Amino acid sequence: MASNSNETKISLQVGSELRIKNNGDVVIDNPELELAADDRAADAVLVYRFDAKSGEHVLRLLEPVADHRHMKVHRRDD
């Protein structure tokens, strides 16, 4: 999937609070602010974009916390 120029990369840690306002403004409160900019310290990395025309907020998971290497096939709700 191609990256869009109006996308915002969001690194979250366990305990982070993510707030998205109606106009698309993003507010993140991370418990460990010194680690917030380091994707390797994140528990999950999301990409966010706001489509003002349709009024949609779109979130895409880039790097999950879960380790599914033990599974041959990933099934829905695993």
C-alpha atoms as a PDB file:
ATOM      1  CA  MET A   1       0.000   0.000   0.000  1.00  0.00           C
ATOM      2  CA  ALA A   2       1.462   3.344  -1.009  1.00  0.00           C
ATOM      3  CA  SER A   3       2.161   5.977   1.597  1.00  0.00           C
ATOM      4  CA  ASN A   4       0.109   9.126   1.359  1.00  0.00           C
ATOM      5  CA  SER A   5       1.729  12.524   2.016  1.00  0.00           C
ATOM      6  CA  ASN A   6      -1.040  13.547   4.419  1.00  0.00           C
ATOM      7  CA  GLU A   7      -0.493  10.511   6.668  1.00  0.00           C
ATOM      8  CA  THR A   8       0.786  10.825  10.222  1.00  0.00           C
ATOM      9  CA  LYS A   9       2.866   8.065  11.789  1.00  0.00           C
ATOM     10  CA  ILE A  10       1.817   7.370  15.383  1.00  0.00           C
ATOM     11  CA  SER A  11       3.957   5.311  17.766  1.00  0.00           C
ATOM     12  CA  LEU A  12       2.055   4.012  20.770  1.00  0.00           C
ATOM     13  CA  GLN A  13       3.198   2.371  23.962  1.00  0.00           C
ATOM     14  CA  VAL A  14       1.056   0.399  26.370  1.00  0.00           C
ATOM     15  CA  GLY A  15      -0.816   2.978  28.416  1.00  0.00           C
ATOM     16  CA  SER A  16      -0.710   5.640  25.691  1.00  0.00           C
ATOM     17  CA  GLU A  17      -3.799   7.708  25.134  1.00  0.00           C
ATOM     18  CA  LEU A  18      -4.719   8.615  21.562  1.00  0.00           C
ATOM     19  CA  ARG A  19      -7.341  11.295  20.931  1.00  0.00           C
ATOM     20  CA  ILE A  20      -8.501  12.293  17.453  1.00  0.00           C
ATOM     21  CA  LYS A  21     -10.625  15.421  17.211  1.00  0.00           C
ATOM     22  CA  ASN A  22     -13.428  15.908  14.696  1.00  0.00           C
ATOM     23  CA  ASN A  23     -11.204  18.163  12.553  1.00  0.00           C
ATOM     24  CA  GLY A  24      -8.454  15.515  12.334  1.00  0.00           C
ATOM     25  CA  ASP A  25      -6.117  16.901  15.006  1.00  0.00           C
ATOM     26  CA  VAL A  26      -4.236  14.107  16.796  1.00  0.00           C
ATOM     27  CA  VAL A  27      -3.216  14.253  20.460  1.00  0.00           C
ATOM     28  CA  ILE A  28      -1.027  11.505  21.955  1.00  0.00           C
ATOM     29  CA  ASP A  29      -0.096  11.180  25.598  1.00  0.00           C
ATOM     30  CA  ASN A  30       2.696   8.628  26.024  1.00  0.00           C
ATOM     31  CA  PRO A  31       3.700   7.455  29.489  1.00  0.00           C
ATOM     32  CA  GLU A  32       7.379   7.427  28.500  1.00  0.00           C
ATOM     33  CA  LEU A  33       7.863  10.661  26.567  1.00  0.00           C
ATOM     34  CA  GLU A  34      11.590  10.116  25.998  1.00  0.00           C
ATOM     35  CA  LEU A  35      10.807   6.916  24.072  1.00  0.00           C
ATOM     36  CA  ALA A  36       7.867   8.286  22.083  1.00  0.00           C
ATOM     37  CA  ALA A  37       9.905   9.221  19.000  1.00  0.00           C
ATOM     38  CA  ASP A  38      11.663   5.843  18.778  1.00  0.00           C
ATOM     39  CA  ASP A  39       9.570   3.353  16.751  1.00  0.00           C
ATOM     40  CA  ARG A  40      11.610   0.473  18.199  1.00  0.00           C
ATOM     41  CA  ALA A  41      10.308   1.356  21.673  1.00  0.00           C
ATOM     42  CA  ALA A  42       6.703   1.371  20.468  1.00  0.00           C
ATOM     43  CA  ASP A  43       4.245  -1.398  21.213  1.00  0.00           C
ATOM     44  CA  ALA A  44       2.314  -0.525  18.056  1.00  0.00           C
ATOM     45  CA  VAL A  45       2.845   1.854  15.150  1.00  0.00           C
ATOM     46  CA  LEU A  46      -0.168   3.264  13.321  1.00  0.00           C
ATOM     47  CA  VAL A  47      -0.555   5.453  10.266  1.00  0.00           C
ATOM     48  CA  TYR A  48      -3.389   7.968  10.466  1.00  0.00           C
ATOM     49  CA  ARG A  49      -4.995  10.176   7.870  1.00  0.00           C
ATOM     50  CA  PHE A  50      -8.094  12.330   7.864  1.00  0.00           C
ATOM     51  CA  ASP A  51     -10.212  12.584   4.724  1.00  0.00           C
ATOM     52  CA  ALA A  52     -11.942  15.957   5.142  1.00  0.00           C
ATOM     53  CA  LYS A  53     -14.155  15.403   2.083  1.00  0.00           C
ATOM     54  CA  SER A  54     -15.821  12.301   3.485  1.00  0.00           C
ATOM     55  CA  GLY A  55     -15.213  13.170   7.151  1.00  0.00           C
ATOM     56  CA  GLU A  56     -13.468   9.823   7.697  1.00  0.00           C
ATOM     57  CA  HIS A  57     -10.627   9.089  10.089  1.00  0.00           C
ATOM     58  CA  VAL A  58      -8.482   6.225   8.732  1.00  0.00           C
ATOM     59  CA  LEU A  59      -6.068   4.226  10.915  1.00  0.00           C
ATOM     60  CA  ARG A  60      -3.742   1.528   9.575  1.00  0.00           C
ATOM     61  CA  LEU A  61      -1.631  -0.763  11.780  1.00  0.00           C
ATOM     62  CA  LEU A  62       1.999  -0.855  10.619  1.00  0.00           C
ATOM     63  CA  GLU A  63       3.781  -2.759  13.370  1.00  0.00           C
ATOM     64  CA  PRO A  64       1.755  -4.897  15.776  1.00  0.00           C
ATOM     65  CA  VAL A  65       2.695  -6.062  19.254  1.00  0.00           C
ATOM     66  CA  ALA A  66       1.572  -9.646  18.731  1.00  0.00           C
ATOM     67  CA  ASP A  67       4.109 -12.234  17.644  1.00  0.00           C
ATOM     68  CA  HIS A  68       2.430 -14.633  15.222  1.00  0.00           C
ATOM     69  CA  ARG A  69       5.620 -16.327  13.996  1.00  0.00           C
ATOM     70  CA  HIS A  70       4.460 -19.556  15.609  1.00  0.00           C
ATOM     71  CA  MET A  71       1.463 -19.769  13.264  1.00  0.00           C
ATOM     72  CA  LYS A  72       1.583 -21.129   9.718  1.00  0.00           C
ATOM     73  CA  VAL A  73      -1.666 -19.401   8.759  1.00  0.00           C
ATOM     74  CA  HIS A  74      -3.185 -16.304  10.282  1.00  0.00           C
ATOM     75  CA  ARG A  75      -6.935 -16.594  10.745  1.00  0.00           C
ATOM     76  CA  ARG A  76      -9.458 -13.908  11.585  1.00  0.00           C
ATOM     77  CA  ASP A  77      -9.808 -13.331  15.348  1.00  0.00           C
ATOM     78  CA  ASP A  78      -6.484 -15.044  16.161  1.00  0.00           C
END
